[in-house]
């Protein structure tokens, strides 16, 4: 379904990233990573103010594989 998209700001497209605009049936990722951060860790914008008292992140991950992308290379 066609649509009109407003202003777009892309600062950086790193290796393995996907930028898709318009209709798409299937996007296959080439890279899978896991990133953990506490509260207020991934805020983006021009003027960001975060007020967090205590931030704890549980990084215990017992499984060996989360997202297998070996077949997409």
Protein backbone atom coordinates (compact mmCIF):
# COMPACT_ATOMS: atom_id res chain seq x y z
CA UNK A 1 0.00 0.00 0.00
CA UNK A 2 1.68 3.24 -1.11
CA UNK A 3 2.11 5.95 1.46
CA UNK A 4 3.62 9.39 1.85
CA UNK A 5 6.54 9.57 4.28
CA UNK A 6 7.52 12.83 5.94
CA UNK A 7 11.05 14.10 6.54
CA UNK A 8 13.66 11.41 7.17
CA UNK A 9 16.95 11.89 9.02
CA UNK A 10 19.50 9.07 8.77
CA UNK A 11 22.74 9.81 10.61
CA UNK A 12 24.54 6.52 10.10
CA UNK A 13 23.95 3.18 8.39
CA UNK A 14 26.46 0.66 9.68
CA UNK A 15 27.54 -2.68 8.27
CA UNK A 16 24.65 -5.13 8.19
CA UNK A 17 22.01 -2.42 8.66
CA UNK A 18 18.78 -2.28 6.67
CA UNK A 19 17.10 0.91 5.50
CA UNK A 20 13.78 0.18 3.83
CA UNK A 21 11.37 2.75 2.42
CA UNK A 22 8.24 1.77 0.56
CA UNK A 23 6.54 -1.57 0.19
CA UNK A 24 8.43 -4.72 1.12
CA UNK A 25 7.52 -8.39 1.25
CA UNK A 26 10.54 -9.80 3.10
CA UNK A 27 13.66 -8.38 4.78
CA UNK A 28 16.34 -10.90 5.79
CA UNK A 29 18.88 -9.62 8.36
CA UNK A 30 22.54 -10.37 7.77
CA UNK A 31 23.74 -9.63 11.31
CA UNK A 32 22.18 -10.35 14.70
CA UNK A 33 23.50 -8.74 17.89
CA UNK A 34 22.26 -8.40 21.43
CA UNK A 35 22.67 -5.11 23.25
CA UNK A 36 21.69 -4.44 26.85
CA UNK A 37 21.47 -1.05 28.50
CA UNK A 38 19.83 0.48 31.54
CA UNK A 39 17.04 3.00 31.64
CA UNK A 40 17.69 6.04 29.48
CA UNK A 41 20.49 4.29 27.63
CA UNK A 42 19.18 4.53 24.07
CA UNK A 43 17.56 7.96 24.03
CA UNK A 44 18.18 9.84 20.80
CA UNK A 45 17.45 13.40 19.85
CA UNK A 46 18.85 16.87 19.90
CA UNK A 47 18.19 17.77 23.57
CA UNK A 48 17.81 14.71 25.83
CA UNK A 49 17.35 14.98 29.58
CA UNK A 50 16.93 11.77 31.59
CA UNK A 51 16.39 11.57 35.33
CA UNK A 52 16.90 8.02 36.60
CA UNK A 53 17.58 7.14 40.20
CA UNK A 54 18.79 3.54 40.02
CA UNK A 55 19.32 1.62 36.79
CA UNK A 56 20.01 -2.12 36.88
CA UNK A 57 20.22 -4.35 33.80
CA UNK A 58 20.02 -8.13 34.06
CA UNK A 59 22.61 -9.47 31.60
CA UNK A 60 22.23 -13.18 32.49
CA UNK A 61 21.58 -15.06 29.23
CA UNK A 62 21.84 -18.85 29.59
CA UNK A 63 20.96 -19.85 26.02
CA UNK A 64 23.75 -20.25 23.45
CA UNK A 65 22.07 -18.90 20.31
CA UNK A 66 19.33 -16.27 20.01
CA UNK A 67 18.93 -15.38 16.33
CA UNK A 68 20.56 -17.59 13.75
CA UNK A 69 21.16 -15.82 10.44
CA UNK A 70 23.58 -18.32 8.87
CA UNK A 71 21.20 -19.11 5.98
CA UNK A 72 20.84 -15.41 5.03
CA UNK A 73 24.47 -14.86 3.96
